[in-house]
Amino acid sequence: MTRRLRLMVQELEARDTPSGVADLMTQPDGDAPVAGDARRLPGNAAPVISDFRAIVGPNGQVTFTGTVTDDQAVAGYVVRITGNGIDTSAIVQRDGSFSVTTFATGPGDITVSATTTDALGATSDPARTMFTPSSRSD
C-alpha cells in the first residue's frame, strides 16, 4: 500500500505576524505602500551622489566620476548618466566611487545628470555637471 502525503497551507492570525511587519502595511496617510516605493517606507533614506564631475579628454572622450553615499552598502549600485547625446552607466565600487568613460561630441556645452536607486527602490536626487567636449578626430 502506498501512502501519499498531502501538503497544506494554514493561514495564521494577524497576531502571529512578526513585530514591525504590520507597521509597514499601512502608512500614516492610510495608503498601503506600493512595491518599489521605498521613499514611503520609514527609515530608508535615498542615496546621495556627490562630487559628480566630467573630465574631458582628447578625441571626444569624457570621464564621469563621483561618489555615492547611502544608509546601506552602495557597492554594485548603478549610476545612470544622461544628457544631450549621453546615455551611459557606471557601477559603484565598495568605497562609493564610480567612474565611466564615454565619447561626447557637440559644438557647445553639454549638461548631464546622474541618478542611482538603492536596493529598496529609493532614488537619489539628480546630480548635474556641465562640460564642453573636445574635438573628435576620427
N, C-alpha and C. Protein backbone atom coordinates (compact mmCIF):
# COMPACT_ATOMS: atom_id res chain seq x y z
N MET A 1 0.84 -1.16 0.00
CA MET A 1 0.00 0.00 0.00
C MET A 1 0.90 1.24 0.00
N THR A 2 0.57 2.21 -0.87
CA THR A 2 1.33 3.45 -0.99
C THR A 2 0.65 4.54 -0.18
N ARG A 3 1.46 5.23 0.61
CA ARG A 3 0.92 6.35 1.40
C ARG A 3 1.26 7.63 0.68
N ARG A 4 0.31 8.48 0.52
CA ARG A 4 0.52 9.78 -0.11
C ARG A 4 0.43 10.87 0.93
N LEU A 5 1.40 11.77 0.85
CA LEU A 5 1.38 12.91 1.74
C LEU A 5 0.63 14.05 1.08
N ARG A 6 -0.07 14.77 1.87
CA ARG A 6 -0.82 15.92 1.35
C ARG A 6 -0.35 17.16 2.10
N LEU A 7 0.25 18.09 1.34
CA LEU A 7 0.74 19.33 1.94
C LEU A 7 -0.40 20.34 2.02
N MET A 8 -0.41 21.09 3.11
CA MET A 8 -1.45 22.09 3.29
C MET A 8 -0.81 23.39 3.78
N VAL A 9 -1.45 24.49 3.48
CA VAL A 9 -1.05 25.80 3.97
C VAL A 9 -2.11 26.29 4.92
N GLN A 10 -1.69 26.73 6.07
CA GLN A 10 -2.63 27.21 7.06
C GLN A 10 -2.42 28.70 7.27
N GLU A 11 -3.49 29.47 7.17
CA GLU A 11 -3.42 30.92 7.36
C GLU A 11 -3.30 31.22 8.85
N LEU A 12 -2.33 32.11 9.16
CA LEU A 12 -2.13 32.50 10.55
C LEU A 12 -2.92 33.75 10.86
N GLU A 13 -3.23 33.92 12.13
CA GLU A 13 -3.93 35.13 12.55
C GLU A 13 -2.96 36.30 12.53
N ALA A 14 -3.47 37.51 12.46
CA ALA A 14 -2.66 38.72 12.39
C ALA A 14 -1.72 38.85 13.58
N ARG A 15 -2.12 38.37 14.74
CA ARG A 15 -1.26 38.49 15.93
C ARG A 15 0.00 37.65 15.81
N ASP A 16 0.01 36.70 14.85
CA ASP A 16 1.18 35.86 14.65
C ASP A 16 2.20 36.49 13.71
N THR A 17 1.91 37.70 13.24
CA THR A 17 2.82 38.41 12.35
C THR A 17 4.01 38.91 13.15
N PRO A 18 5.23 38.73 12.65
CA PRO A 18 6.39 39.25 13.38
C PRO A 18 6.27 40.76 13.60
N SER A 19 6.80 41.23 14.71
CA SER A 19 6.70 42.65 15.01
C SER A 19 7.42 43.47 13.95
N GLY A 20 6.87 44.61 13.64
CA GLY A 20 7.47 45.50 12.65
C GLY A 20 6.85 45.35 11.27
N VAL A 21 6.38 44.17 10.92
CA VAL A 21 5.79 43.98 9.60
C VAL A 21 4.47 44.71 9.48
N ALA A 22 3.67 44.67 10.51
CA ALA A 22 2.37 45.35 10.47
C ALA A 22 2.55 46.85 10.31
N ASP A 23 3.64 47.40 10.86
CA ASP A 23 3.90 48.83 10.74
C ASP A 23 4.11 49.25 9.29
N LEU A 24 4.65 48.34 8.46
CA LEU A 24 4.90 48.65 7.06
C LEU A 24 3.66 48.49 6.20
N MET A 25 2.66 47.81 6.73
CA MET A 25 1.49 47.52 5.94
C MET A 25 0.63 48.76 5.69
N THR A 26 0.57 49.67 6.63
CA THR A 26 -0.24 50.87 6.48
C THR A 26 0.61 52.09 6.81
N GLN A 27 0.63 53.04 5.92
CA GLN A 27 1.38 54.26 6.11
C GLN A 27 0.54 55.25 6.91
N PRO A 28 1.17 56.29 7.48
CA PRO A 28 0.42 57.28 8.28
C PRO A 28 -0.73 57.91 7.52
N ASP A 29 -0.60 58.03 6.19
CA ASP A 29 -1.69 58.64 5.42
C ASP A 29 -2.78 57.63 5.07
N GLY A 30 -2.62 56.37 5.56
CA GLY A 30 -3.63 55.35 5.33
C GLY A 30 -3.44 54.56 4.06
N ASP A 31 -2.46 54.94 3.22
CA ASP A 31 -2.22 54.21 1.98
C ASP A 31 -1.27 53.06 2.23
N ALA A 32 -1.50 51.96 1.55
CA ALA A 32 -0.55 50.85 1.60
C ALA A 32 0.62 51.18 0.70
N PRO A 33 1.85 50.83 1.08
CA PRO A 33 2.99 51.14 0.23
C PRO A 33 2.93 50.37 -1.08
N VAL A 34 3.41 50.98 -2.11
CA VAL A 34 3.46 50.35 -3.43
C VAL A 34 4.82 49.68 -3.55
N ALA A 35 4.87 48.50 -4.15
CA ALA A 35 6.14 47.79 -4.32
C ALA A 35 7.15 48.70 -5.01
N GLY A 36 8.35 48.78 -4.47
CA GLY A 36 9.39 49.60 -5.05
C GLY A 36 9.35 51.05 -4.60
N ASP A 37 8.33 51.44 -3.85
CA ASP A 37 8.22 52.82 -3.40
C ASP A 37 8.84 52.96 -2.01
N ALA A 38 10.17 52.78 -1.94
CA ALA A 38 10.86 52.78 -0.66
C ALA A 38 10.89 54.16 -0.03
N ARG A 39 10.65 55.21 -0.79
CA ARG A 39 10.63 56.55 -0.21
C ARG A 39 9.54 56.66 0.84
N ARG A 40 8.55 55.79 0.76
CA ARG A 40 7.45 55.85 1.70
C ARG A 40 7.66 54.92 2.88
N LEU A 41 8.68 54.06 2.82
CA LEU A 41 8.94 53.16 3.93
C LEU A 41 9.78 53.90 4.97
N PRO A 42 9.42 53.79 6.23
CA PRO A 42 10.18 54.51 7.25
C PRO A 42 11.61 54.00 7.34
N GLY A 43 12.54 54.93 7.52
CA GLY A 43 13.92 54.55 7.77
C GLY A 43 14.77 54.29 6.54
N ASN A 44 14.26 54.48 5.33
CA ASN A 44 15.09 54.26 4.14
C ASN A 44 15.37 55.59 3.48
N ALA A 45 16.58 56.09 3.70
CA ALA A 45 16.99 57.35 3.07
C ALA A 45 17.40 57.09 1.63
N ALA A 46 17.14 58.05 0.76
CA ALA A 46 17.57 57.95 -0.63
C ALA A 46 19.09 58.12 -0.71
N PRO A 47 19.73 57.44 -1.66
CA PRO A 47 21.17 57.63 -1.83
C PRO A 47 21.47 59.06 -2.28
N VAL A 48 22.72 59.48 -2.08
CA VAL A 48 23.16 60.83 -2.46
C VAL A 48 24.39 60.71 -3.35
N ILE A 49 24.37 61.43 -4.48
CA ILE A 49 25.52 61.49 -5.37
C ILE A 49 26.21 62.82 -5.13
N SER A 50 27.51 62.78 -4.84
CA SER A 50 28.28 63.99 -4.61
C SER A 50 29.55 63.98 -5.46
N ASP A 51 30.17 65.13 -5.57
CA ASP A 51 31.43 65.29 -6.33
C ASP A 51 31.29 64.79 -7.77
N PHE A 52 30.12 64.94 -8.35
CA PHE A 52 29.89 64.49 -9.72
C PHE A 52 30.54 65.48 -10.68
N ARG A 53 31.41 64.97 -11.55
CA ARG A 53 32.07 65.86 -12.50
C ARG A 53 32.44 65.12 -13.78
N ALA A 54 32.70 65.92 -14.80
CA ALA A 54 33.12 65.41 -16.11
C ALA A 54 34.56 65.83 -16.34
N ILE A 55 35.40 64.89 -16.72
CA ILE A 55 36.79 65.17 -17.04
C ILE A 55 36.95 64.95 -18.54
N VAL A 56 37.17 66.05 -19.26
CA VAL A 56 37.26 65.99 -20.73
C VAL A 56 38.65 65.55 -21.13
N GLY A 57 38.70 64.54 -21.99
CA GLY A 57 39.96 64.04 -22.52
C GLY A 57 40.06 64.33 -24.00
N PRO A 58 41.06 63.78 -24.67
CA PRO A 58 41.26 64.03 -26.10
C PRO A 58 40.27 63.24 -26.95
N ASN A 59 40.09 63.69 -28.17
CA ASN A 59 39.31 62.97 -29.18
C ASN A 59 37.88 62.66 -28.76
N GLY A 60 37.24 63.58 -28.05
CA GLY A 60 35.84 63.41 -27.67
C GLY A 60 35.60 62.56 -26.44
N GLN A 61 36.67 62.10 -25.79
CA GLN A 61 36.49 61.30 -24.58
C GLN A 61 36.07 62.19 -23.42
N VAL A 62 35.21 61.64 -22.58
CA VAL A 62 34.83 62.30 -21.34
C VAL A 62 34.65 61.22 -20.27
N THR A 63 35.21 61.47 -19.11
CA THR A 63 35.09 60.54 -17.98
C THR A 63 34.24 61.19 -16.90
N PHE A 64 33.22 60.47 -16.47
CA PHE A 64 32.34 60.95 -15.40
C PHE A 64 32.73 60.23 -14.12
N THR A 65 32.90 61.00 -13.06
CA THR A 65 33.26 60.44 -11.76
C THR A 65 32.37 61.03 -10.68
N GLY A 66 32.32 60.36 -9.55
CA GLY A 66 31.56 60.86 -8.42
C GLY A 66 31.57 59.86 -7.29
N THR A 67 30.79 60.17 -6.27
CA THR A 67 30.71 59.34 -5.08
C THR A 67 29.25 59.17 -4.69
N VAL A 68 28.90 57.96 -4.26
CA VAL A 68 27.54 57.67 -3.79
C VAL A 68 27.61 57.31 -2.31
N THR A 69 26.73 57.89 -1.51
CA THR A 69 26.58 57.51 -0.11
C THR A 69 25.12 57.14 0.14
N ASP A 70 24.91 56.26 1.11
CA ASP A 70 23.56 55.82 1.43
C ASP A 70 23.57 55.25 2.84
N ASP A 71 22.38 54.92 3.35
CA ASP A 71 22.27 54.33 4.68
C ASP A 71 22.46 52.81 4.64
N GLN A 72 22.88 52.28 3.50
CA GLN A 72 23.20 50.87 3.34
C GLN A 72 24.41 50.76 2.41
N ALA A 73 24.96 49.58 2.27
CA ALA A 73 26.15 49.39 1.42
C ALA A 73 25.82 49.77 -0.02
N VAL A 74 26.72 50.53 -0.67
CA VAL A 74 26.45 51.06 -2.00
C VAL A 74 27.14 50.27 -3.12
N ALA A 75 28.02 49.34 -2.78
CA ALA A 75 28.73 48.58 -3.81
C ALA A 75 27.74 47.89 -4.74
N GLY A 76 27.93 48.10 -6.03
CA GLY A 76 27.05 47.47 -7.02
C GLY A 76 25.91 48.34 -7.49
N TYR A 77 25.66 49.47 -6.83
CA TYR A 77 24.62 50.38 -7.33
C TYR A 77 24.99 50.78 -8.75
N VAL A 78 23.99 51.05 -9.55
CA VAL A 78 24.20 51.51 -10.92
C VAL A 78 23.85 52.99 -10.98
N VAL A 79 24.80 53.80 -11.44
CA VAL A 79 24.58 55.24 -11.63
C VAL A 79 24.29 55.45 -13.11
N ARG A 80 23.13 56.00 -13.41
CA ARG A 80 22.76 56.27 -14.80
C ARG A 80 23.06 57.73 -15.10
N ILE A 81 23.80 57.95 -16.18
CA ILE A 81 24.22 59.30 -16.57
C ILE A 81 23.62 59.60 -17.93
N THR A 82 22.81 60.67 -17.99
CA THR A 82 22.13 61.02 -19.24
C THR A 82 22.22 62.52 -19.50
N GLY A 83 22.16 62.85 -20.75
CA GLY A 83 22.18 64.24 -21.19
C GLY A 83 22.14 64.27 -22.70
N ASN A 84 22.35 65.44 -23.28
CA ASN A 84 22.31 65.59 -24.73
C ASN A 84 23.39 64.72 -25.39
N GLY A 85 22.97 63.62 -26.00
CA GLY A 85 23.91 62.70 -26.66
C GLY A 85 24.63 61.75 -25.72
N ILE A 86 24.29 61.77 -24.44
CA ILE A 86 24.95 60.91 -23.45
C ILE A 86 23.90 60.01 -22.80
N ASP A 87 24.18 58.72 -22.77
CA ASP A 87 23.36 57.76 -22.04
C ASP A 87 24.26 56.59 -21.69
N THR A 88 24.79 56.61 -20.48
CA THR A 88 25.73 55.59 -20.05
C THR A 88 25.48 55.27 -18.58
N SER A 89 26.16 54.28 -18.07
CA SER A 89 26.01 53.94 -16.65
C SER A 89 27.36 53.50 -16.09
N ALA A 90 27.46 53.60 -14.77
CA ALA A 90 28.67 53.22 -14.05
C ALA A 90 28.27 52.39 -12.84
N ILE A 91 29.13 51.47 -12.45
CA ILE A 91 28.90 50.64 -11.27
C ILE A 91 29.66 51.25 -10.09
N VAL A 92 28.97 51.38 -8.96
CA VAL A 92 29.57 51.96 -7.76
C VAL A 92 30.45 50.91 -7.08
N GLN A 93 31.65 51.33 -6.71
CA GLN A 93 32.61 50.46 -6.03
C GLN A 93 32.34 50.42 -4.53
N ARG A 94 33.05 49.57 -3.84
CA ARG A 94 32.88 49.39 -2.40
C ARG A 94 33.05 50.68 -1.61
N ASP A 95 33.99 51.54 -2.07
CA ASP A 95 34.25 52.80 -1.36
C ASP A 95 33.27 53.92 -1.74
N GLY A 96 32.30 53.60 -2.61
CA GLY A 96 31.28 54.57 -3.01
C GLY A 96 31.61 55.33 -4.28
N SER A 97 32.81 55.16 -4.81
CA SER A 97 33.21 55.88 -6.02
C SER A 97 32.68 55.20 -7.28
N PHE A 98 32.52 55.99 -8.32
CA PHE A 98 32.18 55.45 -9.63
C PHE A 98 32.90 56.26 -10.69
N SER A 99 33.12 55.61 -11.83
CA SER A 99 33.80 56.26 -12.94
C SER A 99 33.46 55.51 -14.22
N VAL A 100 33.20 56.26 -15.29
CA VAL A 100 32.95 55.66 -16.59
C VAL A 100 33.42 56.64 -17.65
N THR A 101 34.01 56.10 -18.72
CA THR A 101 34.48 56.92 -19.83
C THR A 101 33.66 56.61 -21.06
N THR A 102 33.27 57.65 -21.77
CA THR A 102 32.49 57.52 -22.99
C THR A 102 32.94 58.61 -23.97
N PHE A 103 32.22 58.74 -25.06
CA PHE A 103 32.52 59.78 -26.05
C PHE A 103 31.37 60.76 -26.13
N ALA A 104 31.71 62.02 -26.34
CA ALA A 104 30.70 63.06 -26.49
C ALA A 104 31.17 64.03 -27.57
N THR A 105 30.25 64.44 -28.40
CA THR A 105 30.57 65.44 -29.42
C THR A 105 29.52 66.52 -29.39
N GLY A 106 29.88 67.68 -29.87
CA GLY A 106 28.94 68.77 -29.93
C GLY A 106 29.67 70.09 -29.96
N PRO A 107 29.01 71.10 -30.46
CA PRO A 107 29.67 72.39 -30.60
C PRO A 107 29.71 73.21 -29.31
N GLY A 108 28.91 72.87 -28.34
CA GLY A 108 28.84 73.71 -27.14
C GLY A 108 28.79 72.89 -25.88
N ASP A 109 28.39 73.55 -24.81
CA ASP A 109 28.32 72.90 -23.50
C ASP A 109 27.25 71.82 -23.48
N ILE A 110 27.53 70.75 -22.75
CA ILE A 110 26.57 69.66 -22.56
C ILE A 110 26.35 69.52 -21.06
N THR A 111 25.08 69.48 -20.66
CA THR A 111 24.73 69.24 -19.26
C THR A 111 24.23 67.81 -19.13
N VAL A 112 24.76 67.09 -18.15
CA VAL A 112 24.34 65.71 -17.88
C VAL A 112 23.88 65.61 -16.43
N SER A 113 23.05 64.62 -16.18
CA SER A 113 22.62 64.36 -14.81
C SER A 113 22.86 62.89 -14.49
N ALA A 114 23.06 62.62 -13.22
CA ALA A 114 23.31 61.26 -12.74
C ALA A 114 22.32 60.94 -11.63
N THR A 115 21.78 59.73 -11.65
CA THR A 115 20.89 59.26 -10.60
C THR A 115 21.23 57.81 -10.29
N THR A 116 20.86 57.36 -9.11
CA THR A 116 21.01 55.97 -8.72
C THR A 116 19.85 55.58 -7.82
N THR A 117 19.58 54.30 -7.75
CA THR A 117 18.48 53.78 -6.94
C THR A 117 19.02 52.71 -6.01
N ASP A 118 18.62 52.75 -4.73
CA ASP A 118 19.12 51.74 -3.79
C ASP A 118 18.32 50.45 -3.88
N ALA A 119 18.74 49.46 -3.11
CA ALA A 119 18.14 48.13 -3.17
C ALA A 119 16.67 48.12 -2.76
N LEU A 120 16.24 49.13 -1.99
CA LEU A 120 14.85 49.20 -1.57
C LEU A 120 14.01 50.10 -2.46
N GLY A 121 14.62 50.64 -3.52
CA GLY A 121 13.86 51.41 -4.50
C GLY A 121 13.89 52.92 -4.35
N ALA A 122 14.61 53.44 -3.36
CA ALA A 122 14.70 54.89 -3.21
C ALA A 122 15.70 55.46 -4.22
N THR A 123 15.29 56.50 -4.94
CA THR A 123 16.12 57.09 -5.99
C THR A 123 16.71 58.41 -5.52
N SER A 124 17.97 58.63 -5.86
CA SER A 124 18.67 59.86 -5.49
C SER A 124 18.10 61.05 -6.25
N ASP A 125 18.33 62.23 -5.71
CA ASP A 125 18.09 63.44 -6.48
C ASP A 125 19.14 63.47 -7.58
N PRO A 126 18.82 64.08 -8.73
CA PRO A 126 19.82 64.13 -9.80
C PRO A 126 21.00 65.03 -9.42
N ALA A 127 22.20 64.56 -9.72
CA ALA A 127 23.40 65.38 -9.61
C ALA A 127 23.72 65.83 -11.03
N ARG A 128 24.12 67.08 -11.20
CA ARG A 128 24.34 67.61 -12.55
C ARG A 128 25.75 68.17 -12.68
N THR A 129 26.26 68.09 -13.91
CA THR A 129 27.52 68.73 -14.25
C THR A 129 27.46 69.16 -15.71
N MET A 130 28.29 70.13 -16.06
CA MET A 130 28.33 70.64 -17.42
C MET A 130 29.77 70.58 -17.92
N PHE A 131 29.95 70.29 -19.22
CA PHE A 131 31.28 70.24 -19.80
C PHE A 131 31.19 70.62 -21.28
N THR A 132 32.32 70.97 -21.85
CA THR A 132 32.45 71.24 -23.28
C THR A 132 33.32 70.14 -23.86
N PRO A 133 32.75 69.32 -24.76
CA PRO A 133 33.54 68.20 -25.31
C PRO A 133 34.69 68.69 -26.18
N SER A 134 35.74 67.88 -26.20
CA SER A 134 36.87 68.18 -27.08
C SER A 134 36.52 67.73 -28.49
N SER A 135 37.27 68.21 -29.47
CA SER A 135 37.04 67.80 -30.85
C SER A 135 37.47 66.36 -31.02
N ARG A 136 36.70 65.65 -31.80
CA ARG A 136 36.99 64.24 -32.05
C ARG A 136 37.62 64.14 -33.43
N SER A 137 38.81 63.61 -33.50
CA SER A 137 39.49 63.46 -34.79
C SER A 137 39.51 61.98 -35.16
N ASP A 138 38.59 61.61 -36.04
CA ASP A 138 38.50 60.20 -36.46
C ASP A 138 39.27 59.94 -37.72
